[in-house]
């Protein structure tokens, strides 16, 4: 990269000081997708626009979900000069209830430090009471449990949300998308575009983009009416529609719906709908404190016994087993 390229971006403001809080089991890809754009921005600009520190909950290192250790510069509770702190959490963030960490985050917020949640980090911020009144997002796997525990939050199913002093993203490569938006906000579109190209990201993704593949790609079907039926099922796991209602909503007869499911998915509408609800139920059992009965109701089962039978048939274990697996 030539020096002329480096100086072509124009004037830059004060160096931003970022911290990355890495709870045990943090997702390495989400973290790398957030910190590497900062390194590239410094390199391409020819000066340090960003500085960052790694912060552990305890000990001298933070261990990622794949076993890699990151050397910590600080521990929670220590005095650190920061403009923003990014909480990068993975695994099952619903289990994270470390009071000293939550108190430290609140103290940073009172000092005016901007706070960000990456992947499951939004769960940690919400538990500290720091997302109220702000738009937020979180990895799609955590959304059902997140909505159950924090029903008053403005939760979006987007890639990232930048709302005043709070920033959240779904994790994975959405971290890269969010950091590019921050670089553009801080230092202009030219530098952000150069960082994007540096990482071979040739198609910009706006924050409001969807986290998950479209149903067309996910299921490998292109029949518009079948796709509409699938969407209706995914939108109503807690109050299941009848097969007749799904068919009518998709502009089909019940017989046509049965035929399309058999031809395109090798399943029945009823069986697929049950699968959608059971996957949601397993997520809630593993990530919330909801009882088996509460999960059964939230996933549209007529009784706990009906739920337990269906769950055992699908996963070869009773729901109480996944409930008991929570620490």
C-alpha atoms as a PDB file:
ATOM      1  CA  UNK A   1       0.000   0.000   0.000  1.00  0.00           C
ATOM      2  CA  UNK A   2       1.591   3.270  -1.126  1.00  0.00           C
ATOM      3  CA  UNK A   3       2.064   6.281   1.111  1.00  0.00           C
ATOM      4  CA  UNK A   4       0.001   8.392  -1.295  1.00  0.00           C
ATOM      5  CA  UNK A   5      -2.878   6.012  -0.752  1.00  0.00           C
ATOM      6  CA  UNK A   6      -2.463   6.301   2.996  1.00  0.00           C
ATOM      7  CA  UNK A   7      -2.660  10.087   3.071  1.00  0.00           C
ATOM      8  CA  UNK A   8      -5.534  10.399   0.597  1.00  0.00           C
ATOM      9  CA  UNK A   9      -8.247   9.917   3.212  1.00  0.00           C
ATOM     10  CA  UNK A  10      -8.100  13.429   4.618  1.00  0.00           C
ATOM     11  CA  UNK A  11      -7.923  14.716   8.181  1.00  0.00           C
ATOM     12  CA  UNK A  12      -8.477  12.390  11.123  1.00  0.00           C
ATOM     13  CA  UNK A  13      -9.723  13.073  14.607  1.00  0.00           C
ATOM     14  CA  UNK A  14      -8.431  11.958  17.979  1.00  0.00           C
ATOM     15  CA  UNK A  15      -7.385   8.333  18.434  1.00  0.00           C
ATOM     16  CA  UNK A  16     -10.255   6.205  19.709  1.00  0.00           C
ATOM     17  CA  UNK A  17      -9.560   3.986  22.731  1.00  0.00           C
ATOM     18  CA  UNK A  18     -11.502   0.737  22.620  1.00  0.00           C
ATOM     19  CA  UNK A  19     -11.722  -2.104  25.089  1.00  0.00           C
ATOM     20  CA  UNK A  20     -12.756  -5.686  24.367  1.00  0.00           C
ATOM     21  CA  UNK A  21     -14.287  -7.502  27.321  1.00  0.00           C
ATOM     22  CA  UNK A  22     -13.841 -11.215  26.636  1.00  0.00           C
ATOM     23  CA  UNK A  23     -15.841 -13.448  29.010  1.00  0.00           C
ATOM     24  CA  UNK A  24     -14.851 -17.136  29.166  1.00  0.00           C
ATOM     25  CA  UNK A  25     -15.838 -18.948  25.969  1.00  0.00           C
ATOM     26  CA  UNK A  26     -16.004 -15.789  23.857  1.00  0.00           C
ATOM     27  CA  UNK A  27     -16.434 -16.403  20.093  1.00  0.00           C
ATOM     28  CA  UNK A  28     -13.081 -15.927  18.406  1.00  0.00           C
ATOM     29  CA  UNK A  29     -14.474 -15.197  14.946  1.00  0.00           C
ATOM     30  CA  UNK A  30     -16.762 -12.465  16.251  1.00  0.00           C
ATOM     31  CA  UNK A  31     -13.867 -10.907  18.165  1.00  0.00           C
ATOM     32  CA  UNK A  32     -11.449 -11.103  15.223  1.00  0.00           C
ATOM     33  CA  UNK A  33     -14.035  -9.601  12.870  1.00  0.00           C
ATOM     34  CA  UNK A  34     -14.259  -6.625  15.237  1.00  0.00           C
ATOM     35  CA  UNK A  35     -10.605  -5.998  16.063  1.00  0.00           C
ATOM     36  CA  UNK A  36      -9.009  -6.665  12.670  1.00  0.00           C
ATOM     37  CA  UNK A  37     -10.801  -3.784  10.879  1.00  0.00           C
ATOM     38  CA  UNK A  38      -9.275  -1.441  13.476  1.00  0.00           C
ATOM     39  CA  UNK A  39      -5.789  -2.752  12.733  1.00  0.00           C
ATOM     40  CA  UNK A  40      -6.406  -2.373   8.994  1.00  0.00           C
ATOM     41  CA  UNK A  41      -7.719   1.166   9.442  1.00  0.00           C
ATOM     42  CA  UNK A  42      -4.519   2.125  11.264  1.00  0.00           C
ATOM     43  CA  UNK A  43      -2.362   0.524   8.595  1.00  0.00           C
ATOM     44  CA  UNK A  44      -4.197   2.046   5.645  1.00  0.00           C
ATOM     45  CA  UNK A  45      -4.358   5.485   7.224  1.00  0.00           C
ATOM     46  CA  UNK A  46      -0.679   5.421   8.078  1.00  0.00           C
ATOM     47  CA  UNK A  47      -1.321   6.403  11.700  1.00  0.00           C
ATOM     48  CA  UNK A  48      -2.974   5.039  14.835  1.00  0.00           C
ATOM     49  CA  UNK A  49      -6.625   5.946  14.605  1.00  0.00           C
ATOM     50  CA  UNK A  50      -7.591   3.231  17.078  1.00  0.00           C
ATOM     51  CA  UNK A  51      -5.990   1.629  20.112  1.00  0.00           C
ATOM     52  CA  UNK A  52      -7.491  -1.331  21.940  1.00  0.00           C
ATOM     53  CA  UNK A  53      -7.075  -3.329  25.113  1.00  0.00           C
ATOM     54  CA  UNK A  54      -8.234  -6.809  26.086  1.00  0.00           C
ATOM     55  CA  UNK A  55     -10.097  -7.165  29.354  1.00  0.00           C
ATOM     56  CA  UNK A  56     -10.717 -10.447  31.153  1.00  0.00           C
ATOM     57  CA  UNK A  57     -13.305 -11.238  33.783  1.00  0.00           C
ATOM     58  CA  UNK A  58     -10.550 -12.766  35.921  1.00  0.00           C
ATOM     59  CA  UNK A  59      -6.995 -14.011  35.528  1.00  0.00           C
ATOM     60  CA  UNK A  60      -4.225 -13.140  33.120  1.00  0.00           C
ATOM     61  CA  UNK A  61      -5.893 -14.497  29.979  1.00  0.00           C
ATOM     62  CA  UNK A  62      -9.292 -14.823  28.334  1.00  0.00           C
ATOM     63  CA  UNK A  63     -10.043 -18.191  26.748  1.00  0.00           C
ATOM     64  CA  UNK A  64     -12.055 -18.365  23.536  1.00  0.00           C
ATOM     65  CA  UNK A  65     -14.604 -21.043  22.730  1.00  0.00           C
ATOM     66  CA  UNK A  66     -11.991 -22.907  20.647  1.00  0.00           C
ATOM     67  CA  UNK A  67      -9.458 -22.957  23.505  1.00  0.00           C
ATOM     68  CA  UNK A  68      -7.239 -20.104  22.304  1.00  0.00           C
ATOM     69  CA  UNK A  69      -6.040 -17.770  25.054  1.00  0.00           C
ATOM     70  CA  UNK A  70      -5.819 -13.997  24.612  1.00  0.00           C
ATOM     71  CA  UNK A  71      -3.482 -12.202  27.016  1.00  0.00           C
ATOM     72  CA  UNK A  72      -5.475  -9.664  29.017  1.00  0.00           C
ATOM     73  CA  UNK A  73      -4.253  -6.117  29.492  1.00  0.00           C
ATOM     74  CA  UNK A  74      -6.721  -5.519  32.313  1.00  0.00           C
ATOM     75  CA  UNK A  75      -9.324  -7.206  34.482  1.00  0.00           C
ATOM     76  CA  UNK A  76     -12.851  -5.953  35.119  1.00  0.00           C
ATOM     77  CA  UNK A  77     -12.996  -3.362  37.870  1.00  0.00           C
ATOM     78  CA  UNK A  78      -9.659  -1.807  36.993  1.00  0.00           C
ATOM     79  CA  UNK A  79      -9.450   1.817  35.913  1.00  0.00           C
ATOM     80  CA  UNK A  80      -9.068   1.946  32.133  1.00  0.00           C
ATOM     81  CA  UNK A  81      -9.360   5.039  29.918  1.00  0.00           C
ATOM     82  CA  UNK A  82     -11.842   4.045  27.220  1.00  0.00           C
ATOM     83  CA  UNK A  83     -14.062   5.697  24.662  1.00  0.00           C
ATOM     84  CA  UNK A  84     -16.006   2.476  24.050  1.00  0.00           C
ATOM     85  CA  UNK A  85     -16.157  -1.047  25.436  1.00  0.00           C
ATOM     86  CA  UNK A  86     -17.179  -4.037  23.317  1.00  0.00           C
ATOM     87  CA  UNK A  87     -18.559  -7.036  25.216  1.00  0.00           C
ATOM     88  CA  UNK A  88     -17.896 -10.106  23.064  1.00  0.00           C
ATOM     89  CA  UNK A  89     -19.732 -13.090  24.546  1.00  0.00           C
ATOM     90  CA  UNK A  90     -20.625 -16.483  23.138  1.00  0.00           C
ATOM     91  CA  UNK A  91     -21.745 -19.928  24.207  1.00  0.00           C
ATOM     92  CA  UNK A  92     -24.861 -19.461  26.288  1.00  0.00           C
ATOM     93  CA  UNK A  93     -24.749 -15.831  27.440  1.00  0.00           C
ATOM     94  CA  UNK A  94     -28.001 -16.285  29.348  1.00  0.00           C
ATOM     95  CA  UNK A  95     -25.907 -18.061  31.981  1.00  0.00           C
ATOM     96  CA  UNK A  96     -23.635 -15.076  32.556  1.00  0.00           C
ATOM     97  CA  UNK A  97     -24.618 -13.489  35.875  1.00  0.00           C
ATOM     98  CA  UNK A  98     -21.265 -12.298  37.216  1.00  0.00           C
ATOM     99  CA  UNK A  99     -22.276  -9.417  39.483  1.00  0.00           C
ATOM    100  CA  UNK A 100     -18.859  -7.657  39.568  1.00  0.00           C
ATOM    101  CA  UNK A 101     -18.835  -7.513  35.756  1.00  0.00           C
ATOM    102  CA  UNK A 102     -22.382  -6.152  35.584  1.00  0.00           C
ATOM    103  CA  UNK A 103     -21.575  -3.519  38.209  1.00  0.00           C
ATOM    104  CA  UNK A 104     -18.411  -2.499  36.344  1.00  0.00           C
ATOM    105  CA  UNK A 105     -20.366  -2.085  33.114  1.00  0.00           C
ATOM    106  CA  UNK A 106     -22.859   0.164  34.896  1.00  0.00           C
ATOM    107  CA  UNK A 107     -20.021   2.279  36.246  1.00  0.00           C
ATOM    108  CA  UNK A 108     -18.571   2.697  32.750  1.00  0.00           C
ATOM    109  CA  UNK A 109     -21.983   3.768  31.445  1.00  0.00           C
ATOM    110  CA  UNK A 110     -22.223   6.399  34.181  1.00  0.00           C
ATOM    111  CA  UNK A 111     -18.852   7.758  33.037  1.00  0.00           C
ATOM    112  CA  UNK A 112     -20.110   8.144  29.479  1.00  0.00           C
ATOM    113  CA  UNK A 113     -18.248   5.206  27.927  1.00  0.00           C
ATOM    114  CA  UNK A 114     -20.072   3.901  24.843  1.00  0.00           C
ATOM    115  CA  UNK A 115     -21.024   0.248  25.256  1.00  0.00           C
ATOM    116  CA  UNK A 116     -21.354  -2.410  22.583  1.00  0.00           C
ATOM    117  CA  UNK A 117     -22.563  -6.005  22.589  1.00  0.00           C
ATOM    118  CA  UNK A 118     -21.113  -8.470  20.078  1.00  0.00           C
ATOM    119  CA  UNK A 119     -22.906 -11.798  19.468  1.00  0.00           C
ATOM    120  CA  UNK A 120     -24.145 -12.757  22.949  1.00  0.00           C
ATOM    121  CA  UNK A 121     -22.649  -9.606  24.474  1.00  0.00           C
ATOM    122  CA  UNK A 122     -26.024  -7.918  24.118  1.00  0.00           C
ATOM    123  CA  UNK A 123     -27.338 -10.365  26.731  1.00  0.00           C
ATOM    124  CA  UNK A 124     -24.707  -9.168  29.199  1.00  0.00           C
ATOM    125  CA  UNK A 125     -25.553  -5.508  28.577  1.00  0.00           C
ATOM    126  CA  UNK A 126     -29.274  -6.205  28.932  1.00  0.00           C
ATOM    127  CA  UNK A 127     -28.750  -8.031  32.206  1.00  0.00           C
ATOM    128  CA  UNK A 128     -26.852  -5.010  33.478  1.00  0.00           C
ATOM    129  CA  UNK A 129     -29.892  -2.876  32.551  1.00  0.00           C
ATOM    130  CA  UNK A 130     -27.995  -0.941  29.896  1.00  0.00           C
ATOM    131  CA  UNK A 131     -30.119  -1.490  26.782  1.00  0.00           C
ATOM    132  CA  UNK A 132     -33.420  -0.024  27.968  1.00  0.00           C
ATOM    133  CA  UNK A 133     -34.687   2.605  25.550  1.00  0.00           C
ATOM    134  CA  UNK A 134     -32.266   1.566  22.791  1.00  0.00           C
ATOM    135  CA  UNK A 135     -32.666  -0.524  19.671  1.00  0.00           C
ATOM    136  CA  UNK A 136     -30.611  -3.688  19.953  1.00  0.00           C
ATOM    137  CA  UNK A 137     -29.864  -6.961  18.256  1.00  0.00           C
ATOM    138  CA  UNK A 138     -28.255 -10.277  19.148  1.00  0.00           C
ATOM    139  CA  UNK A 139     -27.320 -13.499  17.371  1.00  0.00           C
ATOM    140  CA  UNK A 140     -30.466 -15.177  16.019  1.00  0.00           C
ATOM    141  CA  UNK A 141     -29.874 -18.306  18.136  1.00  0.00           C
ATOM    142  CA  UNK A 142     -30.333 -16.241  21.307  1.00  0.00           C
ATOM    143  CA  UNK A 143     -33.336 -14.192  20.183  1.00  0.00           C
ATOM    144  CA  UNK A 144     -36.144 -16.452  21.548  1.00  0.00           C
ATOM    145  CA  UNK A 145     -34.605 -16.563  25.033  1.00  0.00           C
ATOM    146  CA  UNK A 146     -33.653 -12.876  24.839  1.00  0.00           C
ATOM    147  CA  UNK A 147     -37.231 -11.893  24.006  1.00  0.00           C
ATOM    148  CA  UNK A 148     -38.623 -14.011  26.829  1.00  0.00           C
ATOM    149  CA  UNK A 149     -36.297 -12.531  29.447  1.00  0.00           C
ATOM    150  CA  UNK A 150     -36.384  -8.925  28.225  1.00  0.00           C
ATOM    151  CA  UNK A 151     -39.825  -8.414  26.650  1.00  0.00           C
ATOM    152  CA  UNK A 152     -39.662  -4.626  27.016  1.00  0.00           C
ATOM    153  CA  UNK A 153     -36.510  -4.178  24.929  1.00  0.00           C
ATOM    154  CA  UNK A 154     -36.641  -3.003  21.311  1.00  0.00           C
ATOM    155  CA  UNK A 155     -35.085  -6.152  19.834  1.00  0.00           C
ATOM    156  CA  UNK A 156     -34.380  -6.268  16.100  1.00  0.00           C
ATOM    157  CA  UNK A 157     -33.412  -9.263  13.950  1.00  0.00           C
ATOM    158  CA  UNK A 158     -30.771  -7.211  12.175  1.00  0.00           C
ATOM    159  CA  UNK A 159     -27.022  -7.462  11.568  1.00  0.00           C
ATOM    160  CA  UNK A 160     -26.189  -4.528  13.806  1.00  0.00           C
ATOM    161  CA  UNK A 161     -27.760  -1.531  15.514  1.00  0.00           C
ATOM    162  CA  UNK A 162     -26.078   1.793  16.298  1.00  0.00           C
ATOM    163  CA  UNK A 163     -28.306   3.742  18.671  1.00  0.00           C
ATOM    164  CA  UNK A 164     -26.668   6.695  20.423  1.00  0.00           C
ATOM    165  CA  UNK A 165     -24.294   5.364  23.120  1.00  0.00           C
ATOM    166  CA  UNK A 166     -25.201   1.713  22.530  1.00  0.00           C
ATOM    167  CA  UNK A 167     -24.004  -0.526  19.712  1.00  0.00           C
ATOM    168  CA  UNK A 168     -24.982  -4.150  19.216  1.00  0.00           C
ATOM    169  CA  UNK A 169     -24.348  -6.705  16.515  1.00  0.00           C
ATOM    170  CA  UNK A 170     -25.227 -10.319  15.837  1.00  0.00           C
ATOM    171  CA  UNK A 171     -21.607 -11.475  15.865  1.00  0.00           C
ATOM    172  CA  UNK A 172     -19.761 -13.580  13.313  1.00  0.00           C
ATOM    173  CA  UNK A 173     -18.906 -11.511  10.258  1.00  0.00           C
ATOM    174  CA  UNK A 174     -21.601  -8.996  11.229  1.00  0.00           C
ATOM    175  CA  UNK A 175     -18.918  -7.641  13.568  1.00  0.00           C
ATOM    176  CA  UNK A 176     -16.972  -6.595  10.479  1.00  0.00           C
ATOM    177  CA  UNK A 177     -20.048  -4.839   9.093  1.00  0.00           C
ATOM    178  CA  UNK A 178     -20.566  -2.901  12.305  1.00  0.00           C
ATOM    179  CA  UNK A 179     -16.925  -1.868  12.639  1.00  0.00           C
ATOM    180  CA  UNK A 180     -16.878  -0.623   9.048  1.00  0.00           C
ATOM    181  CA  UNK A 181     -19.915   1.520   9.855  1.00  0.00           C
ATOM    182  CA  UNK A 182     -18.052   2.954  12.858  1.00  0.00           C
ATOM    183  CA  UNK A 183     -14.915   3.601  10.789  1.00  0.00           C
ATOM    184  CA  UNK A 184     -17.026   5.400   8.198  1.00  0.00           C
ATOM    185  CA  UNK A 185     -18.702   7.463  10.896  1.00  0.00           C
ATOM    186  CA  UNK A 186     -15.336   8.367  12.444  1.00  0.00           C
ATOM    187  CA  UNK A 187     -13.149   8.805   9.372  1.00  0.00           C
ATOM    188  CA  UNK A 188     -15.247   8.799   6.220  1.00  0.00           C
ATOM    189  CA  UNK A 189     -16.478   6.493   3.489  1.00  0.00           C
ATOM    190  CA  UNK A 190     -13.155   6.282   1.632  1.00  0.00           C
ATOM    191  CA  UNK A 191     -11.279   4.705   4.511  1.00  0.00           C
ATOM    192  CA  UNK A 192     -14.187   2.367   5.330  1.00  0.00           C
ATOM    193  CA  UNK A 193     -14.303   1.240   1.686  1.00  0.00           C
ATOM    194  CA  UNK A 194     -10.552   0.607   1.689  1.00  0.00           C
ATOM    195  CA  UNK A 195     -10.793  -1.510   4.847  1.00  0.00           C
ATOM    196  CA  UNK A 196     -13.710  -3.401   3.304  1.00  0.00           C
ATOM    197  CA  UNK A 197     -11.677  -4.202   0.202  1.00  0.00           C
ATOM    198  CA  UNK A 198      -8.687  -5.156   2.359  1.00  0.00           C
ATOM    199  CA  UNK A 199     -10.786  -8.008   3.754  1.00  0.00           C
ATOM    200  CA  UNK A 200     -12.237  -8.924   0.328  1.00  0.00           C
ATOM    201  CA  UNK A 201     -15.675  -7.663   1.365  1.00  0.00           C
ATOM    202  CA  UNK A 202     -16.985  -6.444  -1.963  1.00  0.00           C
ATOM    203  CA  UNK A 203     -20.704  -6.285  -1.140  1.00  0.00           C
ATOM    204  CA  UNK A 204     -21.704  -3.800   1.589  1.00  0.00           C
ATOM    205  CA  UNK A 205     -24.266  -5.081   4.095  1.00  0.00           C
ATOM    206  CA  UNK A 206     -26.369  -2.428   5.846  1.00  0.00           C
ATOM    207  CA  UNK A 207     -27.113  -2.801   9.528  1.00  0.00           C
ATOM    208  CA  UNK A 208     -30.779  -3.521   8.846  1.00  0.00           C
ATOM    209  CA  UNK A 209     -29.964  -6.604   6.784  1.00  0.00           C
ATOM    210  CA  UNK A 210     -31.259 -10.014   7.817  1.00  0.00           C
ATOM    211  CA  UNK A 211     -29.094 -12.287   9.955  1.00  0.00           C
ATOM    212  CA  UNK A 212     -30.313 -15.522   8.431  1.00  0.00           C
ATOM    213  CA  UNK A 213     -30.478 -16.873   4.921  1.00  0.00           C
ATOM    214  CA  UNK A 214     -33.714 -16.251   3.119  1.00  0.00           C
ATOM    215  CA  UNK A 215     -36.114 -19.185   3.329  1.00  0.00           C
ATOM    216  CA  UNK A 216     -35.520 -19.781  -0.380  1.00  0.00           C
ATOM    217  CA  UNK A 217     -31.830 -20.524   0.216  1.00  0.00           C
ATOM    218  CA  UNK A 218     -32.277 -22.212   3.582  1.00  0.00           C
ATOM    219  CA  UNK A 219     -34.728 -24.804   2.304  1.00  0.00           C
ATOM    220  CA  UNK A 220     -33.610 -24.918  -1.333  1.00  0.00           C
ATOM    221  CA  UNK A 221     -37.088 -24.231  -2.727  1.00  0.00           C
ATOM    222  CA  UNK A 222     -38.370 -21.520  -5.042  1.00  0.00           C
ATOM    223  CA  UNK A 223     -42.129 -22.060  -4.998  1.00  0.00           C
ATOM    224  CA  UNK A 224     -43.538 -18.726  -3.809  1.00  0.00           C
ATOM    225  CA  UNK A 225     -46.597 -20.211  -2.111  1.00  0.00           C
ATOM    226  CA  UNK A 226     -44.563 -22.832  -0.266  1.00  0.00           C
ATOM    227  CA  UNK A 227     -42.187 -20.124   0.905  1.00  0.00           C
ATOM    228  CA  UNK A 228     -45.122 -18.108   2.201  1.00  0.00           C
ATOM    229  CA  UNK A 229     -46.373 -21.147   4.119  1.00  0.00           C
ATOM    230  CA  UNK A 230     -42.935 -21.671   5.672  1.00  0.00           C
ATOM    231  CA  UNK A 231     -42.797 -18.017   6.700  1.00  0.00           C
ATOM    232  CA  UNK A 232     -46.217 -18.237   8.355  1.00  0.00           C
ATOM    233  CA  UNK A 233     -45.060 -21.224  10.403  1.00  0.00           C
ATOM    234  CA  UNK A 234     -41.832 -19.544  11.518  1.00  0.00           C
ATOM    235  CA  UNK A 235     -43.700 -16.417  12.597  1.00  0.00           C
ATOM    236  CA  UNK A 236     -46.207 -18.289  14.784  1.00  0.00           C
ATOM    237  CA  UNK A 237     -44.478 -20.943  16.921  1.00  0.00           C
ATOM    238  CA  UNK A 238     -46.270 -19.996  20.154  1.00  0.00           C
ATOM    239  CA  UNK A 239     -49.779 -19.875  18.668  1.00  0.00           C
ATOM    240  CA  UNK A 240     -49.696 -22.541  15.957  1.00  0.00           C
ATOM    241  CA  UNK A 241     -51.976 -22.034  12.992  1.00  0.00           C
ATOM    242  CA  UNK A 242     -54.004 -24.939  11.689  1.00  0.00           C
ATOM    243  CA  UNK A 243     -52.790 -26.506   8.454  1.00  0.00           C
ATOM    244  CA  UNK A 244     -55.920 -25.143   6.811  1.00  0.00           C
ATOM    245  CA  UNK A 245     -55.074 -21.617   8.002  1.00  0.00           C
ATOM    246  CA  UNK A 246     -51.495 -21.936   6.754  1.00  0.00           C
ATOM    247  CA  UNK A 247     -52.725 -23.173   3.394  1.00  0.00           C
ATOM    248  CA  UNK A 248     -55.249 -20.350   3.095  1.00  0.00           C
ATOM    249  CA  UNK A 249     -52.637 -17.777   4.072  1.00  0.00           C
ATOM    250  CA  UNK A 250     -50.369 -19.091   1.313  1.00  0.00           C
ATOM    251  CA  UNK A 251     -53.162 -19.129  -1.266  1.00  0.00           C
ATOM    252  CA  UNK A 252     -53.404 -22.926  -1.383  1.00  0.00           C
ATOM    253  CA  UNK A 253     -55.835 -25.657  -0.513  1.00  0.00           C
ATOM    254  CA  UNK A 254     -54.857 -28.012   2.306  1.00  0.00           C
ATOM    255  CA  UNK A 255     -54.362 -30.794  -0.255  1.00  0.00           C
ATOM    256  CA  UNK A 256     -52.055 -28.622  -2.367  1.00  0.00           C
ATOM    257  CA  UNK A 257     -50.047 -27.688   0.723  1.00  0.00           C
ATOM    258  CA  UNK A 258     -49.591 -31.368   1.613  1.00  0.00           C
ATOM    259  CA  UNK A 259     -48.433 -32.144  -1.912  1.00  0.00           C
ATOM    260  CA  UNK A 260     -45.930 -29.285  -2.022  1.00  0.00           C
ATOM    261  CA  UNK A 261     -44.385 -30.237   1.309  1.00  0.00           C
ATOM    262  CA  UNK A 262     -44.062 -33.869   0.210  1.00  0.00           C
ATOM    263  CA  UNK A 263     -42.542 -32.979  -3.189  1.00  0.00           C
ATOM    264  CA  UNK A 264     -40.189 -30.191  -2.135  1.00  0.00           C
ATOM    265  CA  UNK A 265     -39.280 -30.983   1.479  1.00  0.00           C
ATOM    266  CA  UNK A 266     -40.056 -34.666   1.949  1.00  0.00           C
ATOM    267  CA  UNK A 267     -42.185 -33.814   4.970  1.00  0.00           C
ATOM    268  CA  UNK A 268     -45.745 -33.086   5.997  1.00  0.00           C
ATOM    269  CA  UNK A 269     -46.831 -29.552   6.942  1.00  0.00           C
ATOM    270  CA  UNK A 270     -47.766 -30.729  10.417  1.00  0.00           C
ATOM    271  CA  UNK A 271     -44.443 -32.504  10.910  1.00  0.00           C
ATOM    272  CA  UNK A 272     -42.404 -29.513   9.753  1.00  0.00           C
ATOM    273  CA  UNK A 273     -44.353 -27.100  11.933  1.00  0.00           C
ATOM    274  CA  UNK A 274     -43.762 -29.372  14.932  1.00  0.00           C
ATOM    275  CA  UNK A 275     -40.030 -29.355  14.150  1.00  0.00           C
ATOM    276  CA  UNK A 276     -39.974 -25.529  14.148  1.00  0.00           C
ATOM    277  CA  UNK A 277     -41.679 -25.406  17.544  1.00  0.00           C
ATOM    278  CA  UNK A 278     -39.502 -28.099  19.110  1.00  0.00           C
ATOM    279  CA  UNK A 279     -36.292 -26.369  18.013  1.00  0.00           C
ATOM    280  CA  UNK A 280     -37.550 -23.192  19.669  1.00  0.00           C
ATOM    281  CA  UNK A 281     -38.432 -25.168  22.791  1.00  0.00           C
ATOM    282  CA  UNK A 282     -34.951 -26.683  23.051  1.00  0.00           C
ATOM    283  CA  UNK A 283     -33.434 -23.232  22.751  1.00  0.00           C
ATOM    284  CA  UNK A 284     -35.624 -21.875  25.549  1.00  0.00           C
ATOM    285  CA  UNK A 285     -34.905 -24.827  27.823  1.00  0.00           C
ATOM    286  CA  UNK A 286     -31.169 -24.383  27.438  1.00  0.00           C
ATOM    287  CA  UNK A 287     -31.000 -20.598  27.600  1.00  0.00           C
ATOM    288  CA  UNK A 288     -33.687 -19.454  30.034  1.00  0.00           C
ATOM    289  CA  UNK A 289     -34.925 -20.181  33.531  1.00  0.00           C
ATOM    290  CA  UNK A 290     -38.398 -20.969  32.179  1.00  0.00           C
ATOM    291  CA  UNK A 291     -39.976 -24.138  33.538  1.00  0.00           C
ATOM    292  CA  UNK A 292     -40.872 -27.029  31.251  1.00  0.00           C
ATOM    293  CA  UNK A 293     -44.523 -26.025  31.539  1.00  0.00           C
ATOM    294  CA  UNK A 294     -43.766 -22.423  30.603  1.00  0.00           C
ATOM    295  CA  UNK A 295     -41.742 -23.561  27.598  1.00  0.00           C
ATOM    296  CA  UNK A 296     -44.566 -25.842  26.522  1.00  0.00           C
ATOM    297  CA  UNK A 297     -47.004 -22.914  26.574  1.00  0.00           C
ATOM    298  CA  UNK A 298     -44.539 -20.587  24.796  1.00  0.00           C
ATOM    299  CA  UNK A 299     -44.198 -23.117  21.972  1.00  0.00           C
ATOM    300  CA  UNK A 300     -47.890 -23.787  21.500  1.00  0.00           C
ATOM    301  CA  UNK A 301     -48.338 -27.215  23.100  1.00  0.00           C
ATOM    302  CA  UNK A 302     -51.699 -28.029  24.636  1.00  0.00           C
ATOM    303  CA  UNK A 303     -50.211 -29.612  27.753  1.00  0.00           C
ATOM    304  CA  UNK A 304     -46.837 -30.392  29.362  1.00  0.00           C
ATOM    305  CA  UNK A 305     -47.415 -34.111  28.791  1.00  0.00           C
ATOM    306  CA  UNK A 306     -48.048 -33.579  25.074  1.00  0.00           C
ATOM    307  CA  UNK A 307     -44.897 -31.445  24.904  1.00  0.00           C
ATOM    308  CA  UNK A 308     -42.800 -34.015  26.752  1.00  0.00           C
ATOM    309  CA  UNK A 309     -43.873 -36.841  24.452  1.00  0.00           C
ATOM    310  CA  UNK A 310     -43.131 -34.847  21.312  1.00  0.00           C
ATOM    311  CA  UNK A 311     -39.796 -33.650  22.694  1.00  0.00           C
ATOM    312  CA  UNK A 312     -38.668 -37.155  23.623  1.00  0.00           C
ATOM    313  CA  UNK A 313     -39.597 -38.494  20.197  1.00  0.00           C
ATOM    314  CA  UNK A 314     -37.636 -35.728  18.463  1.00  0.00           C
ATOM    315  CA  UNK A 315     -34.519 -35.518  20.635  1.00  0.00           C
ATOM    316  CA  UNK A 316     -34.494 -38.929  22.340  1.00  0.00           C
ATOM    317  CA  UNK A 317     -34.457 -37.286  25.762  1.00  0.00           C
ATOM    318  CA  UNK A 318     -37.081 -35.663  27.980  1.00  0.00           C
ATOM    319  CA  UNK A 319     -37.203 -31.845  28.162  1.00  0.00           C
ATOM    320  CA  UNK A 320     -36.246 -32.050  31.821  1.00  0.00           C
ATOM    321  CA  UNK A 321     -32.852 -33.358  30.741  1.00  0.00           C
ATOM    322  CA  UNK A 322     -32.079 -30.151  28.883  1.00  0.00           C
ATOM    323  CA  UNK A 323     -33.607 -28.135  31.727  1.00  0.00           C
ATOM    324  CA  UNK A 324     -31.320 -29.934  34.246  1.00  0.00           C
ATOM    325  CA  UNK A 325     -28.267 -29.377  32.039  1.00  0.00           C
ATOM    326  CA  UNK A 326     -28.308 -25.670  32.875  1.00  0.00           C
ATOM    327  CA  UNK A 327     -25.725 -24.730  35.518  1.00  0.00           C
END
